[in-house]
Structure formats: C-alpha cells, structure tokens
Amino acid sequence: MAGLRRRTSPDFPVNHDNQDNARPNLQVSGSSLLRRRLTVRGRVQGVGFRPFVYRLARELCLAGSVRNDMQGATVEVEGDGCNIDDFVRRLQSDLPVLASITSLSV
C-alpha cells in the first residue's frame, strides 16, 4: 500500500506525479476517469463513516478524500464512472450500523 496515508480524515491514494505506486489499484482509461464531490448530511460523525468510505473506495479502486464538516461530511472521489455509481449506491445501502444519511448531493 505504498503512497497511502491513513489519517483522521482519510485520503484515498491520488497519483499527482504518475508514480505507479501512488495509485496501485486505479485502472481506468483516460476517457472514463471522472471526479465527483459528494455532500453527505446526517449522522456520519463518530460512527465509523470515514473508515467505511475509505474501505469502500479502496474496494472499488477509487481515489479521493473524505472530510468532516459542520453538517456532515464531504467526499471527493475519482475513478471509473461505473465504479463511482456503485460507490454512491453502496454508500447509502451499506452504511455502518450507527450511521444514517438524511441527504446526499453529487
């Protein structure tokens, strides 16, 4: 997992300098690479939401970051469009037990 740092606000691996080890699992053609910012409102702080987002993104070979804000969390995600669609769907359906989403905007 070279190039991957886990902090209070987990960043998924992002390759800014084209080093192969900075984004080991992200495999997309240049034409299908998308980036989305999601605003998540609800009970997403103190319930394991950020580690859940981190694991889900890694599983789907996505890069980006997740940060808490005053009303919930902001998730930036980059990768294949189909994987991002799956990420958004599973973000809502596979939440940690104590988490709940009242609104999600992409």
Protein backbone atom coordinates (compact mmCIF):
# COMPACT_ATOMS: atom_id res chain seq x y z
CA MET A 1 0.00 0.00 0.00
CA ALA A 2 2.76 2.41 -0.88
CA GLY A 3 1.67 6.01 -1.18
CA LEU A 4 -1.33 5.51 1.09
CA ARG A 5 -1.69 7.53 4.27
CA ARG A 6 -4.41 6.94 6.84
CA ARG A 7 -5.16 9.96 8.99
CA THR A 8 -8.09 11.38 10.90
CA SER A 9 -9.54 12.39 7.53
CA PRO A 10 -8.57 9.51 5.27
CA ASP A 11 -7.29 10.30 1.80
CA PHE A 12 -7.52 7.57 -0.77
CA PRO A 13 -4.41 7.24 -2.94
CA VAL A 14 -4.14 10.02 -5.51
CA ASN A 15 -1.45 9.97 -8.17
CA HIS A 16 -0.38 13.56 -8.92
CA ASP A 17 3.04 12.71 -10.32
CA ASN A 18 2.30 9.49 -12.28
CA GLN A 19 4.24 7.25 -9.89
CA ASP A 20 2.94 3.73 -10.34
CA ASN A 21 2.91 3.01 -6.62
CA ALA A 22 0.89 6.11 -5.69
CA ARG A 23 -2.36 4.63 -7.03
CA PRO A 24 -1.77 0.89 -7.24
CA ASN A 25 -5.35 -0.27 -7.91
CA LEU A 26 -6.83 2.52 -10.03
CA GLN A 27 -7.08 1.18 -13.58
CA VAL A 28 -9.20 3.26 -15.95
CA SER A 29 -8.83 4.55 -19.45
CA GLY A 30 -8.27 8.29 -19.70
CA SER A 31 -11.67 8.84 -21.29
CA SER A 32 -13.64 7.28 -18.41
CA LEU A 33 -11.84 8.93 -15.47
CA LEU A 34 -14.35 11.03 -13.52
CA ARG A 35 -14.21 13.08 -10.33
CA ARG A 36 -17.22 13.82 -8.13
CA ARG A 37 -17.78 15.75 -4.90
CA LEU A 38 -20.48 14.34 -2.64
CA THR A 39 -22.03 16.29 0.22
CA VAL A 40 -23.37 13.93 2.86
CA ARG A 41 -25.70 15.09 5.62
CA GLY A 42 -26.95 13.07 8.55
CA ARG A 43 -25.36 11.07 11.35
CA VAL A 44 -21.93 10.46 9.84
CA GLN A 45 -19.59 11.65 12.60
CA GLY A 46 -18.38 9.38 15.37
CA VAL A 47 -19.99 6.29 13.81
CA GLY A 48 -17.19 4.89 11.61
CA PHE A 49 -18.35 6.63 8.44
CA ARG A 50 -14.93 7.87 7.25
CA PRO A 51 -13.21 4.48 7.63
CA PHE A 52 -16.21 2.91 5.85
CA VAL A 53 -15.83 5.38 2.94
CA TYR A 54 -12.10 4.65 2.81
CA ARG A 55 -12.62 0.86 2.65
CA LEU A 56 -15.42 1.11 0.08
CA ALA A 57 -13.37 3.39 -2.18
CA ARG A 58 -10.35 1.09 -1.99
CA GLU A 59 -12.54 -1.93 -2.78
CA LEU A 60 -13.86 -0.14 -5.89
CA CYS A 61 -10.40 1.12 -6.96
CA LEU A 62 -11.31 4.77 -6.42
CA ALA A 63 -9.14 7.67 -5.25
CA GLY A 64 -10.12 10.80 -3.32
CA SER A 65 -10.72 12.03 0.21
CA VAL A 66 -13.34 12.28 2.94
CA ARG A 67 -13.59 15.13 5.45
CA ASN A 68 -16.00 16.01 8.21
CA ASP A 69 -17.62 19.43 8.05
CA MET A 70 -20.09 21.29 10.26
CA GLN A 71 -23.16 19.43 8.98
CA GLY A 72 -21.83 16.03 7.92
CA ALA A 73 -19.06 15.07 5.53
CA THR A 74 -17.67 15.91 2.11
CA VAL A 75 -16.39 13.06 -0.05
CA GLU A 76 -14.32 13.62 -3.18
CA VAL A 77 -13.99 10.53 -5.34
CA GLU A 78 -12.16 9.88 -8.61
CA GLY A 79 -12.12 6.89 -10.92
CA ASP A 80 -14.19 4.93 -13.40
CA GLY A 81 -17.75 6.26 -13.80
CA CYS A 82 -19.36 2.85 -13.23
CA ASN A 83 -17.35 2.40 -10.03
CA ILE A 84 -18.39 5.86 -8.83
CA ASP A 85 -22.05 4.99 -9.47
CA ASP A 86 -21.61 1.78 -7.47
CA PHE A 87 -19.82 3.74 -4.73
CA VAL A 88 -22.73 6.21 -4.40
CA ARG A 89 -25.28 3.38 -4.32
CA ARG A 90 -23.36 1.39 -1.70
CA LEU A 91 -22.58 4.50 0.31
CA GLN A 92 -26.30 4.67 1.04
CA SER A 93 -27.14 0.96 1.29
CA ASP A 94 -24.13 -0.45 3.20
CA LEU A 95 -23.68 2.19 5.93
CA PRO A 96 -22.22 1.36 9.33
CA VAL A 97 -24.96 0.37 11.79
CA LEU A 98 -24.99 3.66 13.72
CA ALA A 99 -24.74 5.93 10.65
CA SER A 100 -27.63 7.45 8.74
CA ILE A 101 -27.80 9.72 5.70
CA THR A 102 -30.56 12.33 5.53
CA SER A 103 -29.35 13.85 2.25
CA LEU A 104 -26.72 13.13 -0.36
CA SER A 105 -25.88 15.50 -3.19
CA VAL A 106 -23.45 14.77 -6.02
